[in-house]
Amino acid sequence: LRLSCAASGRPFSRYVMGWFRQAPGKEREVVATINWSGAT
């Protein structure tokens, strides 16, 4: 699958972005993060 996240509001590039997931009965956990430039 390819998930997309569309942002609006303040300048998007200023934020570190992350994907998290939460299964039933489980804690929310980090999947991946990416810095403002995409380099990290």
Full PDB file with SEQRES, HELIX, SHEET, SSBOND, CRYST1, ORIGX, SCALE, CONECT and MASTER records, all heavy atoms in Angstrom:
SEQRES   1 A   40  LEU ARG LEU SER CYS ALA ALA SER GLY ARG PRO PHE SER          
SEQRES   2 A   40  ARG TYR VAL MET GLY TRP PHE ARG GLN ALA PRO GLY LYS          
SEQRES   3 A   40  GLU ARG GLU VAL VAL ALA THR ILE ASN TRP SER GLY ALA          
SEQRES   4 A   40  THR                                                          
HELIX    1 AA1 PHE A   12  ARG A   14  5                                   3    
SHEET    1 AA1 2 MET A  17  ARG A  21  0                                        
SHEET    2 AA1 2 GLU A  29  ILE A  34 -1                                        
CRYST1    1.000    1.000    1.000  90.00  90.00  90.00 P 1           1          
ORIGX1      1.000000  0.000000  0.000000        0.00000                         
ORIGX2      0.000000  1.000000  0.000000        0.00000                         
ORIGX3      0.000000  0.000000  1.000000        0.00000                         
SCALE1      1.000000  0.000000  0.000000        0.00000                         
SCALE2      0.000000  1.000000  0.000000        0.00000                         
SCALE3      0.000000  0.000000  1.000000        0.00000                         
ATOM      1  N   LEU A   1       0.844  -1.177   0.000  1.00  0.00           N  
ATOM      2  CA  LEU A   1       0.000   0.000   0.000  1.00  0.00           C  
ATOM      3  C   LEU A   1       0.884   1.233   0.000  1.00  0.00           C  
ATOM      4  O   LEU A   1       2.015   1.198   0.480  1.00  0.00           O  
ATOM      5  CB  LEU A   1      -0.904   0.051   1.228  1.00  0.00           C  
ATOM      6  CG  LEU A   1      -2.098  -0.885   1.304  1.00  0.00           C  
ATOM      7  CD1 LEU A   1      -2.736  -0.774   2.698  1.00  0.00           C  
ATOM      8  CD2 LEU A   1      -3.115  -0.551   0.232  1.00  0.00           C  
ATOM      9  N   ARG A   2       0.344   2.320  -0.503  1.00  0.00           N  
ATOM     10  CA  ARG A   2       1.003   3.609  -0.392  1.00  0.00           C  
ATOM     11  C   ARG A   2       0.063   4.568   0.302  1.00  0.00           C  
ATOM     12  O   ARG A   2      -0.991   4.917  -0.236  1.00  0.00           O  
ATOM     13  CB  ARG A   2       1.390   4.162  -1.754  1.00  0.00           C  
ATOM     14  CG  ARG A   2       2.303   5.386  -1.652  1.00  0.00           C  
ATOM     15  CD  ARG A   2       2.537   6.031  -2.997  1.00  0.00           C  
ATOM     16  NE  ARG A   2       3.635   6.991  -2.949  1.00  0.00           N  
ATOM     17  CZ  ARG A   2       3.878   7.895  -3.891  1.00  0.00           C  
ATOM     18  NH1 ARG A   2       3.111   7.954  -4.971  1.00  0.00           N  
ATOM     19  NH2 ARG A   2       4.900   8.719  -3.759  1.00  0.00           N  
ATOM     20  N   LEU A   3       0.445   4.974   1.498  1.00  0.00           N  
ATOM     21  CA  LEU A   3      -0.346   5.914   2.263  1.00  0.00           C  
ATOM     22  C   LEU A   3       0.105   7.335   1.962  1.00  0.00           C  
ATOM     23  O   LEU A   3       1.289   7.593   1.782  1.00  0.00           O  
ATOM     24  CB  LEU A   3      -0.206   5.649   3.762  1.00  0.00           C  
ATOM     25  CG  LEU A   3      -0.488   4.225   4.241  1.00  0.00           C  
ATOM     26  CD1 LEU A   3      -0.398   4.163   5.764  1.00  0.00           C  
ATOM     27  CD2 LEU A   3      -1.840   3.740   3.757  1.00  0.00           C  
ATOM     28  N   SER A   4      -0.848   8.247   1.941  1.00  0.00           N  
ATOM     29  CA  SER A   4      -0.548   9.647   1.709  1.00  0.00           C  
ATOM     30  C   SER A   4      -1.090  10.484   2.856  1.00  0.00           C  
ATOM     31  O   SER A   4      -2.101  10.141   3.462  1.00  0.00           O  
ATOM     32  CB  SER A   4      -1.168  10.130   0.396  1.00  0.00           C  
ATOM     33  OG  SER A   4      -0.628   9.444  -0.709  1.00  0.00           O  
ATOM     34  N   CYS A   5      -0.422  11.578   3.140  1.00  0.00           N  
ATOM     35  CA  CYS A   5      -0.850  12.518   4.163  1.00  0.00           C  
ATOM     36  C   CYS A   5      -0.764  13.913   3.572  1.00  0.00           C  
ATOM     37  O   CYS A   5       0.337  14.401   3.289  1.00  0.00           O  
ATOM     38  CB  CYS A   5       0.036  12.398   5.402  1.00  0.00           C  
ATOM     39  SG  CYS A   5      -0.267  13.644   6.673  1.00  0.00           S  
ATOM     40  N   ALA A   6      -1.901  14.530   3.379  1.00  0.00           N  
ATOM     41  CA  ALA A   6      -1.966  15.873   2.822  1.00  0.00           C  
ATOM     42  C   ALA A   6      -2.086  16.891   3.947  1.00  0.00           C  
ATOM     43  O   ALA A   6      -2.936  16.753   4.823  1.00  0.00           O  
ATOM     44  CB  ALA A   6      -3.148  15.995   1.867  1.00  0.00           C  
ATOM     45  N   ALA A   7      -1.247  17.908   3.909  1.00  0.00           N  
ATOM     46  CA  ALA A   7      -1.205  18.914   4.959  1.00  0.00           C  
ATOM     47  C   ALA A   7      -1.680  20.260   4.446  1.00  0.00           C  
ATOM     48  O   ALA A   7      -1.471  20.616   3.285  1.00  0.00           O  
ATOM     49  CB  ALA A   7       0.208  19.050   5.513  1.00  0.00           C  
ATOM     50  N   SER A   8      -2.296  21.011   5.331  1.00  0.00           N  
ATOM     51  CA  SER A   8      -2.681  22.385   5.040  1.00  0.00           C  
ATOM     52  C   SER A   8      -2.419  23.236   6.269  1.00  0.00           C  
ATOM     53  O   SER A   8      -2.315  22.722   7.380  1.00  0.00           O  
ATOM     54  CB  SER A   8      -4.148  22.471   4.630  1.00  0.00           C  
ATOM     55  OG  SER A   8      -4.995  22.049   5.681  1.00  0.00           O  
ATOM     56  N   GLY A   9      -2.306  24.544   6.064  1.00  0.00           N  
ATOM     57  CA  GLY A   9      -2.051  25.436   7.172  1.00  0.00           C  
ATOM     58  C   GLY A   9      -0.658  26.042   7.101  1.00  0.00           C  
ATOM     59  O   GLY A   9      -0.258  26.539   6.058  1.00  0.00           O  
ATOM     60  N   ARG A  10       0.073  25.977   8.205  1.00  0.00           N  
ATOM     61  CA  ARG A  10       1.414  26.543   8.269  1.00  0.00           C  
ATOM     62  C   ARG A  10       2.348  25.848   7.296  1.00  0.00           C  
ATOM     63  O   ARG A  10       2.085  24.724   6.875  1.00  0.00           O  
ATOM     64  CB  ARG A  10       1.954  26.457   9.695  1.00  0.00           C  
ATOM     65  CG  ARG A  10       1.160  27.278  10.696  1.00  0.00           C  
ATOM     66  CD  ARG A  10       1.775  27.230  12.072  1.00  0.00           C  
ATOM     67  NE  ARG A  10       3.096  27.841  12.091  1.00  0.00           N  
ATOM     68  CZ  ARG A  10       3.890  27.875  13.155  1.00  0.00           C  
ATOM     69  NH1 ARG A  10       3.495  27.336  14.297  1.00  0.00           N  
ATOM     70  NH2 ARG A  10       5.077  28.445  13.086  1.00  0.00           N  
ATOM     71  N   PRO A  11       3.461  26.516   6.965  1.00  0.00           N  
ATOM     72  CA  PRO A  11       4.378  25.930   5.986  1.00  0.00           C  
ATOM     73  C   PRO A  11       4.756  24.491   6.320  1.00  0.00           C  
ATOM     74  O   PRO A  11       5.324  24.201   7.372  1.00  0.00           O  
ATOM     75  CB  PRO A  11       5.589  26.860   6.047  1.00  0.00           C  
ATOM     76  CG  PRO A  11       5.004  28.186   6.406  1.00  0.00           C  
ATOM     77  CD  PRO A  11       3.898  27.866   7.377  1.00  0.00           C  
ATOM     78  N   PHE A  12       4.436  23.609   5.413  1.00  0.00           N  
ATOM     79  CA  PHE A  12       4.613  22.186   5.622  1.00  0.00           C  
ATOM     80  C   PHE A  12       6.061  21.810   5.873  1.00  0.00           C  
ATOM     81  O   PHE A  12       6.359  20.950   6.705  1.00  0.00           O  
ATOM     82  CB  PHE A  12       4.064  21.451   4.395  1.00  0.00           C  
ATOM     83  CG  PHE A  12       4.274  19.975   4.404  1.00  0.00           C  
ATOM     84  CD1 PHE A  12       3.557  19.159   5.259  1.00  0.00           C  
ATOM     85  CD2 PHE A  12       5.184  19.393   3.531  1.00  0.00           C  
ATOM     86  CE1 PHE A  12       3.737  17.787   5.251  1.00  0.00           C  
ATOM     87  CE2 PHE A  12       5.368  18.028   3.517  1.00  0.00           C  
ATOM     88  CZ  PHE A  12       4.647  17.228   4.379  1.00  0.00           C  
ATOM     89  N   SER A  13       6.967  22.440   5.165  1.00  0.00           N  
ATOM     90  CA  SER A  13       8.372  22.059   5.238  1.00  0.00           C  
ATOM     91  C   SER A  13       9.024  22.351   6.577  1.00  0.00           C  
ATOM     92  O   SER A  13      10.130  21.873   6.832  1.00  0.00           O  
ATOM     93  CB  SER A  13       9.168  22.743   4.118  1.00  0.00           C  
ATOM     94  OG  SER A  13       9.132  24.148   4.260  1.00  0.00           O  
ATOM     95  N   ARG A  14       8.377  23.097   7.440  1.00  0.00           N  
ATOM     96  CA  ARG A  14       8.945  23.418   8.746  1.00  0.00           C  
ATOM     97  C   ARG A  14       8.806  22.285   9.756  1.00  0.00           C  
ATOM     98  O   ARG A  14       9.403  22.353  10.833  1.00  0.00           O  
ATOM     99  CB  ARG A  14       8.278  24.677   9.311  1.00  0.00           C  
ATOM    100  CG  ARG A  14       8.603  25.947   8.547  1.00  0.00           C  
ATOM    101  CD  ARG A  14       7.925  27.144   9.187  1.00  0.00           C  
ATOM    102  NE  ARG A  14       8.267  28.380   8.512  1.00  0.00           N  
ATOM    103  CZ  ARG A  14       9.288  29.148   8.856  1.00  0.00           C  
ATOM    104  NH1 ARG A  14      10.062  28.811   9.879  1.00  0.00           N  
ATOM    105  NH2 ARG A  14       9.533  30.255   8.175  1.00  0.00           N  
ATOM    106  N   TYR A  15       8.048  21.273   9.440  1.00  0.00           N  
ATOM    107  CA  TYR A  15       7.734  20.227  10.397  1.00  0.00           C  
ATOM    108  C   TYR A  15       8.468  18.935  10.118  1.00  0.00           C  
ATOM    109  O   TYR A  15       8.656  18.534   8.971  1.00  0.00           O  
ATOM    110  CB  TYR A  15       6.232  19.941  10.398  1.00  0.00           C  
ATOM    111  CG  TYR A  15       5.401  21.075  10.931  1.00  0.00           C  
ATOM    112  CD1 TYR A  15       4.925  22.058  10.083  1.00  0.00           C  
ATOM    113  CD2 TYR A  15       5.099  21.151  12.286  1.00  0.00           C  
ATOM    114  CE1 TYR A  15       4.166  23.111  10.567  1.00  0.00           C  
ATOM    115  CE2 TYR A  15       4.341  22.194  12.778  1.00  0.00           C  
ATOM    116  CZ  TYR A  15       3.874  23.167  11.916  1.00  0.00           C  
ATOM    117  OH  TYR A  15       3.115  24.202  12.407  1.00  0.00           O  
ATOM    118  N   VAL A  16       8.876  18.288  11.192  1.00  0.00           N  
ATOM    119  CA  VAL A  16       9.232  16.883  11.127  1.00  0.00           C  
ATOM    120  C   VAL A  16       7.928  16.102  11.037  1.00  0.00           C  
ATOM    121  O   VAL A  16       6.980  16.372  11.777  1.00  0.00           O  
ATOM    122  CB  VAL A  16      10.031  16.453  12.362  1.00  0.00           C  
ATOM    123  CG1 VAL A  16      10.302  14.959  12.337  1.00  0.00           C  
ATOM    124  CG2 VAL A  16      11.334  17.234  12.445  1.00  0.00           C  
ATOM    125  N   MET A  17       7.888  15.151  10.147  1.00  0.00           N  
ATOM    126  CA  MET A  17       6.678  14.371   9.942  1.00  0.00           C  
ATOM    127  C   MET A  17       6.909  12.929  10.354  1.00  0.00           C  
ATOM    128  O   MET A  17       8.003  12.388  10.202  1.00  0.00           O  
ATOM    129  CB  MET A  17       6.244  14.423   8.483  1.00  0.00           C  
ATOM    130  CG  MET A  17       6.005  15.832   7.951  1.00  0.00           C  
ATOM    131  SD  MET A  17       4.673  16.702   8.829  1.00  0.00           S  
ATOM    132  CE  MET A  17       3.262  15.667   8.401  1.00  0.00           C  
ATOM    133  N   GLY A  18       5.861  12.331  10.858  1.00  0.00           N  
ATOM    134  CA  GLY A  18       5.956  10.946  11.273  1.00  0.00           C  
ATOM    135  C   GLY A  18       4.723  10.147  10.906  1.00  0.00           C  
ATOM    136  O   GLY A  18       3.635  10.699  10.753  1.00  0.00           O  
ATOM    137  N   TRP A  19       4.944   8.863  10.749  1.00  0.00           N  
ATOM    138  CA  TRP A  19       3.855   7.906  10.623  1.00  0.00           C  
ATOM    139  C   TRP A  19       3.863   7.015  11.855  1.00  0.00           C  
ATOM    140  O   TRP A  19       4.915   6.502  12.251  1.00  0.00           O  
ATOM    141  CB  TRP A  19       3.991   7.045   9.369  1.00  0.00           C  
ATOM    142  CG  TRP A  19       3.627   7.737   8.097  1.00  0.00           C  
ATOM    143  CD1 TRP A  19       4.466   8.322   7.204  1.00  0.00           C  
ATOM    144  CD2 TRP A  19       2.309   7.896   7.569  1.00  0.00           C  
ATOM    145  NE1 TRP A  19       3.766   8.841   6.153  1.00  0.00           N  
ATOM    146  CE2 TRP A  19       2.435   8.595   6.352  1.00  0.00           C  
ATOM    147  CE3 TRP A  19       1.036   7.516   7.999  1.00  0.00           C  
ATOM    148  CZ2 TRP A  19       1.327   8.927   5.560  1.00  0.00           C  
ATOM    149  CZ3 TRP A  19      -0.057   7.844   7.218  1.00  0.00           C  
ATOM    150  CH2 TRP A  19       0.102   8.543   6.021  1.00  0.00           C  
ATOM    151  N   PHE A  20       2.702   6.847  12.440  1.00  0.00           N  
ATOM    152  CA  PHE A  20       2.509   5.989  13.593  1.00  0.00           C  
ATOM    153  C   PHE A  20       1.401   5.001  13.278  1.00  0.00           C  
ATOM    154  O   PHE A  20       0.625   5.198  12.353  1.00  0.00           O  
ATOM    155  CB  PHE A  20       2.131   6.808  14.829  1.00  0.00           C  
ATOM    156  CG  PHE A  20       3.203   7.753  15.292  1.00  0.00           C  
ATOM    157  CD1 PHE A  20       3.444   8.944  14.631  1.00  0.00           C  
ATOM    158  CD2 PHE A  20       3.978   7.446  16.403  1.00  0.00           C  
ATOM    159  CE1 PHE A  20       4.434   9.821  15.053  1.00  0.00           C  
ATOM    160  CE2 PHE A  20       4.968   8.321  16.838  1.00  0.00           C  
ATOM    161  CZ  PHE A  20       5.191   9.496  16.166  1.00  0.00           C  
ATOM    162  N   ARG A  21       1.327   3.948  14.070  1.00  0.00           N  
ATOM    163  CA  ARG A  21       0.229   3.008  13.912  1.00  0.00           C  
ATOM    164  C   ARG A  21      -0.231   2.525  15.274  1.00  0.00           C  
ATOM    165  O   ARG A  21       0.526   2.492  16.236  1.00  0.00           O  
ATOM    166  CB  ARG A  21       0.620   1.825  13.019  1.00  0.00           C  
ATOM    167  CG  ARG A  21       1.700   0.918  13.591  1.00  0.00           C  
ATOM    168  CD  ARG A  21       2.142  -0.096  12.547  1.00  0.00           C  
ATOM    169  NE  ARG A  21       3.200  -0.958  13.040  1.00  0.00           N  
ATOM    170  CZ  ARG A  21       3.915  -1.772  12.281  1.00  0.00           C  
ATOM    171  NH1 ARG A  21       3.676  -1.843  10.968  1.00  0.00           N  
ATOM    172  NH2 ARG A  21       4.860  -2.521  12.821  1.00  0.00           N  
ATOM    173  N   GLN A  22      -1.489   2.155  15.322  1.00  0.00           N  
ATOM    174  CA  GLN A  22      -2.067   1.659  16.556  1.00  0.00           C  
ATOM    175  C   GLN A  22      -3.006   0.503  16.238  1.00  0.00           C  
ATOM    176  O   GLN A  22      -4.020   0.678  15.565  1.00  0.00           O  
ATOM    177  CB  GLN A  22      -2.820   2.766  17.293  1.00  0.00           C  
ATOM    178  CG  GLN A  22      -3.300   2.359  18.671  1.00  0.00           C  
ATOM    179  CD  GLN A  22      -3.752   3.544  19.493  1.00  0.00           C  
ATOM    180  OE1 GLN A  22      -4.108   4.588  18.954  1.00  0.00           O  
ATOM    181  NE2 GLN A  22      -3.732   3.391  20.799  1.00  0.00           N  
ATOM    182  N   ALA A  23      -2.642  -0.657  16.727  1.00  0.00           N  
ATOM    183  CA  ALA A  23      -3.465  -1.838  16.580  1.00  0.00           C  
ATOM    184  C   ALA A  23      -4.448  -1.910  17.736  1.00  0.00           C  
ATOM    185  O   ALA A  23      -4.213  -1.332  18.804  1.00  0.00           O  
ATOM    186  CB  ALA A  23      -2.591  -3.093  16.544  1.00  0.00           C  
ATOM    187  N   PRO A  24      -5.548  -2.631  17.570  1.00  0.00           N  
ATOM    188  CA  PRO A  24      -6.523  -2.759  18.656  1.00  0.00           C  
ATOM    189  C   PRO A  24      -5.895  -3.273  19.942  1.00  0.00           C  
ATOM    190  O   PRO A  24      -5.191  -4.281  19.941  1.00  0.00           O  
ATOM    191  CB  PRO A  24      -7.536  -3.757  18.095  1.00  0.00           C  
ATOM    192  CG  PRO A  24      -7.451  -3.587  16.617  1.00  0.00           C  
ATOM    193  CD  PRO A  24      -5.985  -3.326  16.352  1.00  0.00           C  
ATOM    194  N   GLY A  25      -6.128  -2.561  21.036  1.00  0.00           N  
ATOM    195  CA  GLY A  25      -5.597  -2.963  22.321  1.00  0.00           C  
ATOM    196  C   GLY A  25      -4.118  -2.699  22.519  1.00  0.00           C  
ATOM    197  O   GLY A  25      -3.564  -3.093  23.553  1.00  0.00           O  
ATOM    198  N   LYS A  26      -3.479  -2.050  21.577  1.00  0.00           N  
ATOM    199  CA  LYS A  26      -2.050  -1.790  21.657  1.00  0.00           C  
ATOM    200  C   LYS A  26      -1.773  -0.295  21.755  1.00  0.00           C  
ATOM    201  O   LYS A  26      -2.615   0.537  21.433  1.00  0.00           O  
ATOM    202  CB  LYS A  26      -1.327  -2.356  20.434  1.00  0.00           C  
ATOM    203  CG  LYS A  26      -1.534  -3.843  20.211  1.00  0.00           C  
ATOM    204  CD  LYS A  26      -0.911  -4.669  21.317  1.00  0.00           C  
ATOM    205  CE  LYS A  26      -1.047  -6.150  21.020  1.00  0.00           C  
ATOM    206  NZ  LYS A  26      -0.457  -6.978  22.102  1.00  0.00           N  
ATOM    207  N   GLU A  27      -0.569   0.023  22.211  1.00  0.00           N  
ATOM    208  CA  GLU A  27      -0.141   1.411  22.262  1.00  0.00           C  
ATOM    209  C   GLU A  27       0.212   1.907  20.871  1.00  0.00           C  
ATOM    210  O   GLU A  27       0.639   1.140  20.007  1.00  0.00           O  
ATOM    211  CB  GLU A  27       1.072   1.559  23.184  1.00  0.00           C  
ATOM    212  CG  GLU A  27       0.805   1.223  24.638  1.00  0.00           C  
ATOM    213  CD  GLU A  27      -0.115   2.217  25.293  1.00  0.00           C  
ATOM    214  OE1 GLU A  27      -0.017   3.420  24.986  1.00  0.00           O  
ATOM    215  OE2 GLU A  27      -0.952   1.794  26.112  1.00  0.00           O  
ATOM    216  N   ARG A  28       0.035   3.194  20.677  1.00  0.00           N  
ATOM    217  CA  ARG A  28       0.454   3.795  19.423  1.00  0.00           C  
ATOM    218  C   ARG A  28       1.977   3.771  19.333  1.00  0.00           C  
ATOM    219  O   ARG A  28       2.670   4.126  20.291  1.00  0.00           O  
ATOM    220  CB  ARG A  28      -0.068   5.226  19.333  1.00  0.00           C  
ATOM    221  CG  ARG A  28       0.097   5.851  17.968  1.00  0.00           C  
ATOM    222  CD  ARG A  28      -0.672   7.169  17.871  1.00  0.00           C  
ATOM    223  NE  ARG A  28      -2.098   6.966  18.063  1.00  0.00           N  
ATOM    224  CZ  ARG A  28      -3.012   7.923  17.927  1.00  0.00           C  
ATOM    225  NH1 ARG A  28      -2.640   9.155  17.590  1.00  0.00           N  
ATOM    226  NH2 ARG A  28      -4.290   7.651  18.133  1.00  0.00           N  
ATOM    227  N   GLU A  29       2.500   3.351  18.201  1.00  0.00           N  
ATOM    228  CA  GLU A  29       3.933   3.215  18.042  1.00  0.00           C  
ATOM    229  C   GLU A  29       4.414   3.897  16.775  1.00  0.00           C  
ATOM    230  O   GLU A  29       3.694   3.982  15.779  1.00  0.00           O  
ATOM    231  CB  GLU A  29       4.336   1.736  18.010  1.00  0.00           C  
ATOM    232  CG  GLU A  29       3.770   0.965  16.837  1.00  0.00           C  
ATOM    233  CD  GLU A  29       4.210  -0.482  16.804  1.00  0.00           C  
ATOM    234  OE1 GLU A  29       4.960  -0.909  17.702  1.00  0.00           O  
ATOM    235  OE2 GLU A  29       3.792  -1.208  15.869  1.00  0.00           O  
ATOM    236  N   VAL A  30       5.651   4.344  16.822  1.00  0.00           N  
ATOM    237  CA  VAL A  30       6.234   4.995  15.668  1.00  0.00           C  
ATOM    238  C   VAL A  30       6.552   3.976  14.591  1.00  0.00           C  
ATOM    239  O   VAL A  30       6.971   2.852  14.885  1.00  0.00           O  
ATOM    240  CB  VAL A  30       7.506   5.787  16.061  1.00  0.00           C  
ATOM    241  CG1 VAL A  30       8.612   4.858  16.542  1.00  0.00           C  
ATOM    242  CG2 VAL A  30       7.973   6.655  14.908  1.00  0.00           C  
ATOM    243  N   VAL A  31       6.326   4.357  13.367  1.00  0.00           N  
ATOM    244  CA  VAL A  31       6.675   3.546  12.217  1.00  0.00           C  
ATOM    245  C   VAL A  31       7.880   4.148  11.505  1.00  0.00           C  
ATOM    246  O   VAL A  31       8.862   3.462  11.222  1.00  0.00           O  
ATOM    247  CB  VAL A  31       5.496   3.417  11.247  1.00  0.00           C  
ATOM    248  CG1 VAL A  31       5.911   2.674   9.981  1.00  0.00           C  
ATOM    249  CG2 VAL A  31       4.334   2.708  11.928  1.00  0.00           C  
ATOM    250  N   ALA A  32       7.798   5.443  11.217  1.00  0.00           N  
ATOM    251  CA  ALA A  32       8.867   6.123  10.502  1.00  0.00           C  
ATOM    252  C   ALA A  32       8.729   7.619  10.696  1.00  0.00           C  
ATOM    253  O   ALA A  32       7.633   8.130  10.925  1.00  0.00           O  
ATOM    254  CB  ALA A  32       8.832   5.788   9.011  1.00  0.00           C  
ATOM    255  N   THR A  33       9.845   8.331  10.605  1.00  0.00           N  
ATOM    256  CA  THR A  33       9.834   9.791  10.651  1.00  0.00           C  
ATOM    257  C   THR A  33      10.752  10.333   9.566  1.00  0.00           C  
ATOM    258  O   THR A  33      11.651   9.641   9.085  1.00  0.00           O  
ATOM    259  CB  THR A  33      10.276  10.347  12.016  1.00  0.00           C  
ATOM    260  OG1 THR A  33      11.658  10.051  12.246  1.00  0.00           O  
ATOM    261  CG2 THR A  33       9.433   9.765  13.143  1.00  0.00           C  
ATOM    262  N   ILE A  34      10.536  11.596   9.219  1.00  0.00           N  
ATOM    263  CA  ILE A  34      11.347  12.242   8.198  1.00  0.00           C  
ATOM    264  C   ILE A  34      11.496  13.710   8.550  1.00  0.00           C  
ATOM    265  O   ILE A  34      10.540  14.364   8.955  1.00  0.00           O  
ATOM    266  CB  ILE A  34      10.724  12.039   6.797  1.00  0.00           C  
ATOM    267  CG1 ILE A  34      11.654  12.558   5.704  1.00  0.00           C  
ATOM    268  CG2 ILE A  34       9.348  12.690   6.709  1.00  0.00           C  
ATOM    269  CD1 ILE A  34      11.237  12.074   4.308  1.00  0.00           C  
ATOM    270  N   ASN A  35      12.710  14.237   8.424  1.00  0.00           N  
ATOM    271  CA  ASN A  35      12.944  15.617   8.809  1.00  0.00           C  
ATOM    272  C   ASN A  35      12.458  16.582   7.740  1.00  0.00           C  
ATOM    273  O   ASN A  35      11.928  16.177   6.702  1.00  0.00           O  
ATOM    274  CB  ASN A  35      14.422  15.839   9.149  1.00  0.00           C  
ATOM    275  CG  ASN A  35      15.312  16.005   7.927  1.00  0.00           C  
ATOM    276  OD1 ASN A  35      15.013  15.504   6.849  1.00  0.00           O  
ATOM    277  ND2 ASN A  35      16.414  16.725   8.100  1.00  0.00           N  
ATOM    278  N   TRP A  36      12.666  17.865   7.992  1.00  0.00           N  
ATOM    279  CA  TRP A  36      12.087  18.901   7.131  1.00  0.00           C  
ATOM    280  C   TRP A  36      12.555  18.824   5.689  1.00  0.00           C  
ATOM    281  O   TRP A  36      11.799  19.158   4.770  1.00  0.00           O  
ATOM    282  CB  TRP A  36      12.400  20.281   7.699  1.00  0.00           C  
ATOM    283  CG  TRP A  36      13.861  20.640   7.668  1.00  0.00           C  
ATOM    284  CD1 TRP A  36      14.791  20.390   8.635  1.00  0.00           C  
ATOM    285  CD2 TRP A  36      14.555  21.305   6.607  1.00  0.00           C  
ATOM    286  NE1 TRP A  36      16.021  20.848   8.253  1.00  0.00           N  
ATOM    287  CE2 TRP A  36      15.904  21.427   7.006  1.00  0.00           C  
ATOM    288  CE3 TRP A  36      14.173  21.822   5.368  1.00  0.00           C  
ATOM    289  CZ2 TRP A  36      16.873  22.031   6.200  1.00  0.00           C  
ATOM    290  CZ3 TRP A  36      15.138  22.419   4.561  1.00  0.00           C  
ATOM    291  CH2 TRP A  36      16.466  22.523   4.988  1.00  0.00           C  
ATOM    292  N   SER A  37      13.792  18.423   5.475  1.00  0.00           N  
ATOM    293  CA  SER A  37      14.345  18.387   4.129  1.00  0.00           C  
ATOM    294  C   SER A  37      14.184  17.026   3.458  1.00  0.00           C  
ATOM    295  O   SER A  37      14.379  16.911   2.250  1.00  0.00           O  
ATOM    296  CB  SER A  37      15.824  18.746   4.151  1.00  0.00           C  
ATOM    297  OG  SER A  37      16.589  17.732   4.769  1.00  0.00           O  
ATOM    298  N   GLY A  38      13.870  16.014   4.245  1.00  0.00           N  
ATOM    299  CA  GLY A  38      13.811  14.665   3.728  1.00  0.00           C  
ATOM    300  C   GLY A  38      15.141  13.943   3.771  1.00  0.00           C  
ATOM    301  O   GLY A  38      15.214  12.763   3.393  1.00  0.00           O  
ATOM    302  N   ALA A  39      16.187  14.616   4.235  1.00  0.00           N  
ATOM    303  CA  ALA A  39      17.521  14.029   4.239  1.00  0.00           C  
ATOM    304  C   ALA A  39      17.711  12.997   5.339  1.00  0.00           C  
ATOM    305  O   ALA A  39      18.570  12.121   5.220  1.00  0.00           O  
ATOM    306  CB  ALA A  39      18.573  15.117   4.375  1.00  0.00           C  
ATOM    307  N   THR A  40      16.954  13.117   6.416  1.00  0.00           N  
ATOM    308  CA  THR A  40      17.096  12.222   7.548  1.00  0.00           C  
ATOM    309  C   THR A  40      15.801  11.477   7.788  1.00  0.00           C  
ATOM    310  O   THR A  40      14.743  12.090   7.927  1.00  0.00           O  
ATOM    311  CB  THR A  40      17.492  12.993   8.817  1.00  0.00           C  
ATOM    312  OG1 THR A  40      18.704  13.707   8.587  1.00  0.00           O  
ATOM    313  CG2 THR A  40      17.689  12.037   9.983  1.00  0.00           C  
TER     314      THR A  40                                                      
MASTER        0    0    0    1    2    0    0    6  313    1    0    4          
END                                                                             
